[in-house]
Amino acid sequence: MSTANHNALHGKTLEQILTELVAHYQWQGLAERIDIRCFKSDPTIKSSLTFLRKTPWAREKVEHLYIKLQRKG
């Protein structure tokens, strides 16, 4: 991971990252950008965190989307 990517995530918990993404994109927008069921079927922060913590490839997609959002901001 490059330093720029690390800095965007530095000090952020997965819960903070997910909460910011949901606030920005809403669940539907998040599901359109990252195709995982926990964002489509009755999504909650808690259930999504459980899935993301067990699924490295999905967590990585969430982190990349967050970094992309930070660069826009």
N, C-alpha and C. Protein backbone atom coordinates (compact mmCIF):
# COMPACT_ATOMS: atom_id res chain seq x y z
N MET A 1 0.85 -1.18 0.00
CA MET A 1 0.00 0.00 0.00
C MET A 1 0.89 1.24 0.00
N SER A 2 0.56 2.19 -0.83
CA SER A 2 1.38 3.40 -0.90
C SER A 2 1.12 4.29 0.31
N THR A 3 2.01 5.24 0.52
CA THR A 3 1.87 6.16 1.64
C THR A 3 0.59 6.98 1.53
N ALA A 4 0.22 7.40 0.32
CA ALA A 4 -1.00 8.19 0.13
C ALA A 4 -2.23 7.40 0.55
N ASN A 5 -2.26 6.14 0.19
CA ASN A 5 -3.39 5.29 0.59
C ASN A 5 -3.41 5.11 2.09
N HIS A 6 -2.25 4.88 2.67
CA HIS A 6 -2.16 4.66 4.11
C HIS A 6 -2.65 5.88 4.87
N ASN A 7 -2.28 7.08 4.42
CA ASN A 7 -2.66 8.30 5.12
C ASN A 7 -4.17 8.50 5.15
N ALA A 8 -4.87 8.16 4.07
CA ALA A 8 -6.32 8.34 4.03
C ALA A 8 -7.02 7.42 5.04
N LEU A 9 -6.41 6.27 5.31
CA LEU A 9 -7.02 5.30 6.22
C LEU A 9 -6.47 5.43 7.64
N HIS A 10 -5.40 6.18 7.80
CA HIS A 10 -4.73 6.28 9.10
C HIS A 10 -5.67 6.79 10.17
N GLY A 11 -5.76 6.04 11.26
CA GLY A 11 -6.58 6.47 12.39
C GLY A 11 -8.07 6.24 12.20
N LYS A 12 -8.46 5.64 11.10
CA LYS A 12 -9.88 5.39 10.83
C LYS A 12 -10.20 3.94 11.12
N THR A 13 -11.28 3.70 11.83
CA THR A 13 -11.74 2.33 12.02
C THR A 13 -12.58 1.93 10.82
N LEU A 14 -12.75 0.65 10.64
CA LEU A 14 -13.59 0.17 9.55
C LEU A 14 -15.01 0.71 9.72
N GLU A 15 -15.48 0.79 10.95
CA GLU A 15 -16.81 1.33 11.20
C GLU A 15 -16.92 2.80 10.77
N GLN A 16 -15.90 3.60 11.05
CA GLN A 16 -15.92 5.01 10.63
C GLN A 16 -15.92 5.12 9.11
N ILE A 17 -15.11 4.30 8.46
CA ILE A 17 -15.03 4.31 7.00
C ILE A 17 -16.39 3.95 6.40
N LEU A 18 -16.98 2.86 6.88
CA LEU A 18 -18.27 2.41 6.36
C LEU A 18 -19.37 3.44 6.62
N THR A 19 -19.37 4.03 7.80
CA THR A 19 -20.38 5.03 8.15
C THR A 19 -20.28 6.24 7.22
N GLU A 20 -19.07 6.68 6.93
CA GLU A 20 -18.88 7.82 6.02
C GLU A 20 -19.33 7.48 4.60
N LEU A 21 -19.02 6.26 4.16
CA LEU A 21 -19.43 5.85 2.82
C LEU A 21 -20.95 5.78 2.71
N VAL A 22 -21.61 5.23 3.72
CA VAL A 22 -23.07 5.13 3.71
C VAL A 22 -23.69 6.53 3.75
N ALA A 23 -23.11 7.43 4.53
CA ALA A 23 -23.61 8.80 4.60
C ALA A 23 -23.51 9.48 3.23
N HIS A 24 -22.45 9.19 2.51
CA HIS A 24 -22.23 9.84 1.21
C HIS A 24 -23.04 9.18 0.09
N TYR A 25 -22.96 7.85 0.00
CA TYR A 25 -23.56 7.14 -1.13
C TYR A 25 -24.94 6.54 -0.84
N GLN A 26 -25.30 6.41 0.44
CA GLN A 26 -26.47 5.63 0.86
C GLN A 26 -26.19 4.16 0.55
N TRP A 27 -27.00 3.27 1.10
CA TRP A 27 -26.76 1.83 0.89
C TRP A 27 -26.88 1.45 -0.59
N GLN A 28 -27.86 2.00 -1.27
CA GLN A 28 -28.06 1.63 -2.68
C GLN A 28 -26.86 2.03 -3.52
N GLY A 29 -26.36 3.22 -3.33
CA GLY A 29 -25.20 3.69 -4.07
C GLY A 29 -23.96 2.87 -3.76
N LEU A 30 -23.84 2.47 -2.51
CA LEU A 30 -22.71 1.63 -2.11
C LEU A 30 -22.80 0.26 -2.79
N ALA A 31 -24.01 -0.29 -2.82
CA ALA A 31 -24.23 -1.60 -3.46
C ALA A 31 -23.96 -1.54 -4.96
N GLU A 32 -24.23 -0.39 -5.58
CA GLU A 32 -23.95 -0.23 -7.01
C GLU A 32 -22.45 -0.18 -7.28
N ARG A 33 -21.69 0.35 -6.33
CA ARG A 33 -20.25 0.50 -6.52
C ARG A 33 -19.47 -0.73 -6.08
N ILE A 34 -19.99 -1.42 -5.06
CA ILE A 34 -19.35 -2.64 -4.55
C ILE A 34 -20.43 -3.71 -4.47
N ASP A 35 -20.32 -4.70 -5.34
CA ASP A 35 -21.36 -5.70 -5.50
C ASP A 35 -21.25 -6.81 -4.46
N ILE A 36 -21.71 -6.51 -3.24
CA ILE A 36 -21.75 -7.53 -2.20
C ILE A 36 -23.11 -7.51 -1.53
N ARG A 37 -23.58 -8.69 -1.18
CA ARG A 37 -24.94 -8.87 -0.70
C ARG A 37 -25.23 -8.09 0.59
N CYS A 38 -24.24 -7.94 1.46
CA CYS A 38 -24.51 -7.26 2.73
C CYS A 38 -24.87 -5.79 2.53
N PHE A 39 -24.60 -5.24 1.34
CA PHE A 39 -25.00 -3.86 1.04
C PHE A 39 -26.36 -3.81 0.34
N LYS A 40 -26.84 -4.96 -0.13
CA LYS A 40 -28.08 -5.00 -0.92
C LYS A 40 -29.27 -5.51 -0.14
N SER A 41 -29.05 -6.51 0.69
CA SER A 41 -30.15 -7.20 1.35
C SER A 41 -30.23 -6.79 2.82
N ASP A 42 -31.17 -5.91 3.14
CA ASP A 42 -31.40 -5.45 4.51
C ASP A 42 -30.10 -5.00 5.19
N PRO A 43 -29.41 -4.04 4.60
CA PRO A 43 -28.09 -3.66 5.11
C PRO A 43 -28.13 -2.90 6.43
N THR A 44 -27.17 -3.23 7.27
CA THR A 44 -26.93 -2.46 8.50
C THR A 44 -25.42 -2.32 8.65
N ILE A 45 -25.03 -1.34 9.43
CA ILE A 45 -23.60 -1.16 9.69
C ILE A 45 -23.06 -2.42 10.37
N LYS A 46 -23.78 -2.92 11.37
CA LYS A 46 -23.31 -4.06 12.15
C LYS A 46 -23.13 -5.30 11.28
N SER A 47 -24.12 -5.64 10.46
CA SER A 47 -24.00 -6.85 9.64
C SER A 47 -22.91 -6.68 8.58
N SER A 48 -22.79 -5.49 8.05
CA SER A 48 -21.76 -5.25 7.04
C SER A 48 -20.36 -5.33 7.65
N LEU A 49 -20.19 -4.80 8.86
CA LEU A 49 -18.90 -4.88 9.53
C LEU A 49 -18.51 -6.33 9.79
N THR A 50 -19.47 -7.13 10.21
CA THR A 50 -19.21 -8.55 10.46
C THR A 50 -18.68 -9.21 9.19
N PHE A 51 -19.34 -8.97 8.06
CA PHE A 51 -18.92 -9.54 6.79
C PHE A 51 -17.55 -9.02 6.37
N LEU A 52 -17.37 -7.71 6.44
CA LEU A 52 -16.13 -7.10 5.97
C LEU A 52 -14.92 -7.55 6.79
N ARG A 53 -15.11 -7.76 8.07
CA ARG A 53 -14.00 -8.19 8.93
C ARG A 53 -13.56 -9.62 8.60
N LYS A 54 -14.47 -10.42 8.06
CA LYS A 54 -14.16 -11.81 7.71
C LYS A 54 -13.74 -11.97 6.25
N THR A 55 -13.87 -10.91 5.46
CA THR A 55 -13.70 -11.03 4.01
C THR A 55 -12.73 -9.97 3.50
N PRO A 56 -11.45 -10.32 3.48
CA PRO A 56 -10.43 -9.32 3.11
C PRO A 56 -10.64 -8.65 1.75
N TRP A 57 -11.06 -9.39 0.74
CA TRP A 57 -11.23 -8.77 -0.59
C TRP A 57 -12.33 -7.72 -0.56
N ALA A 58 -13.38 -7.96 0.21
CA ALA A 58 -14.48 -6.99 0.30
C ALA A 58 -14.05 -5.76 1.09
N ARG A 59 -13.32 -5.98 2.16
CA ARG A 59 -12.82 -4.86 2.96
C ARG A 59 -11.90 -3.98 2.11
N GLU A 60 -11.07 -4.63 1.30
CA GLU A 60 -10.16 -3.88 0.44
C GLU A 60 -10.94 -3.00 -0.54
N LYS A 61 -12.02 -3.51 -1.10
CA LYS A 61 -12.85 -2.71 -2.02
C LYS A 61 -13.45 -1.51 -1.30
N VAL A 62 -13.91 -1.71 -0.07
CA VAL A 62 -14.47 -0.62 0.73
C VAL A 62 -13.41 0.43 1.01
N GLU A 63 -12.21 -0.02 1.38
CA GLU A 63 -11.12 0.92 1.66
C GLU A 63 -10.72 1.70 0.42
N HIS A 64 -10.68 1.04 -0.73
CA HIS A 64 -10.33 1.74 -1.97
C HIS A 64 -11.39 2.78 -2.34
N LEU A 65 -12.66 2.44 -2.15
CA LEU A 65 -13.72 3.40 -2.43
C LEU A 65 -13.61 4.61 -1.49
N TYR A 66 -13.29 4.36 -0.25
CA TYR A 66 -13.13 5.43 0.73
C TYR A 66 -11.98 6.36 0.32
N ILE A 67 -10.86 5.77 -0.09
CA ILE A 67 -9.70 6.56 -0.52
C ILE A 67 -10.08 7.42 -1.72
N LYS A 68 -10.81 6.84 -2.67
CA LYS A 68 -11.26 7.56 -3.85
C LYS A 68 -12.15 8.75 -3.45
N LEU A 69 -13.04 8.52 -2.49
CA LEU A 69 -13.93 9.58 -2.00
C LEU A 69 -13.12 10.70 -1.35
N GLN A 70 -12.11 10.34 -0.59
CA GLN A 70 -11.27 11.34 0.09
C GLN A 70 -10.51 12.20 -0.91
N ARG A 71 -10.08 11.59 -2.00
CA ARG A 71 -9.35 12.35 -3.02
C ARG A 71 -10.25 13.36 -3.72
N LYS A 72 -11.53 13.01 -3.88
CA LYS A 72 -12.49 13.93 -4.51
C LYS A 72 -12.74 15.13 -3.61
N GLY A 73 -12.85 14.84 -2.29
CA GLY A 73 -13.22 15.85 -1.31
C GLY A 73 -12.18 16.89 -1.17
